């Protein structure tokens, strides 16, 4: 088998204590913006959050967060 043919492991998502992942409907994304991003939102623009934290609506635990711009793009309001 060549190096490029090896299967890549799939990343496992973090879960809260009741088993919710960031892709589950019970995960509530909490967005944080920079000062410039907040001002841009106030002016009616669409801003990409600088950080997204995920909180379970059942147990209230913050179990995951992302700061990568490509991942935060999915959570633009």
Protein backbone atom coordinates (compact mmCIF):
# COMPACT_ATOMS: atom_id res chain seq x y z
CA UNK A 1 0.00 0.00 0.00
CA UNK A 2 1.34 3.42 -0.88
CA UNK A 3 1.42 6.26 1.65
CA UNK A 4 -1.39 8.17 -0.12
CA UNK A 5 -3.69 5.13 -0.02
CA UNK A 6 -3.74 4.78 3.76
CA UNK A 7 -7.12 5.62 5.29
CA UNK A 8 -7.16 8.80 7.30
CA UNK A 9 -8.60 8.64 10.79
CA UNK A 10 -11.81 10.57 11.27
CA UNK A 11 -11.62 13.17 14.01
CA UNK A 12 -13.86 12.51 16.97
CA UNK A 13 -15.96 15.39 18.22
CA UNK A 14 -15.98 16.29 21.90
CA UNK A 15 -19.12 15.52 23.83
CA UNK A 16 -20.71 16.79 27.01
CA UNK A 17 -21.55 14.49 29.91
CA UNK A 18 -24.91 13.58 28.37
CA UNK A 19 -23.42 12.78 24.93
CA UNK A 20 -24.23 15.90 22.87
CA UNK A 21 -21.78 16.84 20.08
CA UNK A 22 -21.48 20.17 18.28
CA UNK A 23 -23.45 18.76 15.32
CA UNK A 24 -26.38 17.71 17.52
CA UNK A 25 -29.53 19.83 17.70
CA UNK A 26 -29.15 20.22 21.49
CA UNK A 27 -25.84 22.07 21.09
CA UNK A 28 -26.30 25.82 21.31
CA UNK A 29 -23.50 27.82 19.62
CA UNK A 30 -22.39 30.91 21.55
CA UNK A 31 -20.61 33.35 19.24
CA UNK A 32 -17.93 35.87 20.25
CA UNK A 33 -16.88 38.74 18.01
CA UNK A 34 -13.95 41.11 18.00
CA UNK A 35 -14.67 44.81 18.60
CA UNK A 36 -14.48 45.49 14.86
CA UNK A 37 -16.77 42.56 14.12
CA UNK A 38 -19.30 43.78 16.68
CA UNK A 39 -19.32 47.26 15.16
CA UNK A 40 -19.74 45.78 11.69
CA UNK A 41 -22.77 43.82 12.94
CA UNK A 42 -24.27 47.01 14.38
CA UNK A 43 -23.92 48.68 10.96
CA UNK A 44 -25.90 45.84 9.37
CA UNK A 45 -23.02 43.79 8.00
CA UNK A 46 -22.37 40.08 8.28
CA UNK A 47 -19.37 39.29 10.46
CA UNK A 48 -17.56 36.02 11.11
CA UNK A 49 -17.30 35.21 14.82
CA UNK A 50 -13.80 35.02 16.26
CA UNK A 51 -14.74 32.16 18.62
CA UNK A 52 -17.70 29.79 18.88
CA UNK A 53 -18.41 27.87 22.10
CA UNK A 54 -20.91 25.03 22.21
CA UNK A 55 -23.20 24.62 25.23
CA UNK A 56 -25.54 21.69 25.80
CA UNK A 57 -29.10 22.84 26.40
CA UNK A 58 -29.80 19.81 28.61
CA UNK A 59 -26.93 19.89 31.11
CA UNK A 60 -25.62 23.44 30.53
CA UNK A 61 -22.01 22.34 30.05
CA UNK A 62 -19.72 24.16 27.60
CA UNK A 63 -18.05 21.14 26.00
CA UNK A 64 -16.31 22.37 22.85
CA UNK A 65 -15.08 25.53 21.14
CA UNK A 66 -13.51 26.50 17.86
CA UNK A 67 -11.42 29.48 16.81
CA UNK A 68 -10.39 28.44 13.30
CA UNK A 69 -11.86 30.86 10.76
CA UNK A 70 -12.95 28.06 8.43
CA UNK A 71 -14.89 26.36 11.24
CA UNK A 72 -16.39 29.66 12.51
CA UNK A 73 -17.68 30.46 9.00
CA UNK A 74 -20.34 27.77 9.50
CA UNK A 75 -21.86 29.75 12.39
CA UNK A 76 -22.33 33.15 10.72
CA UNK A 77 -25.72 34.63 11.58
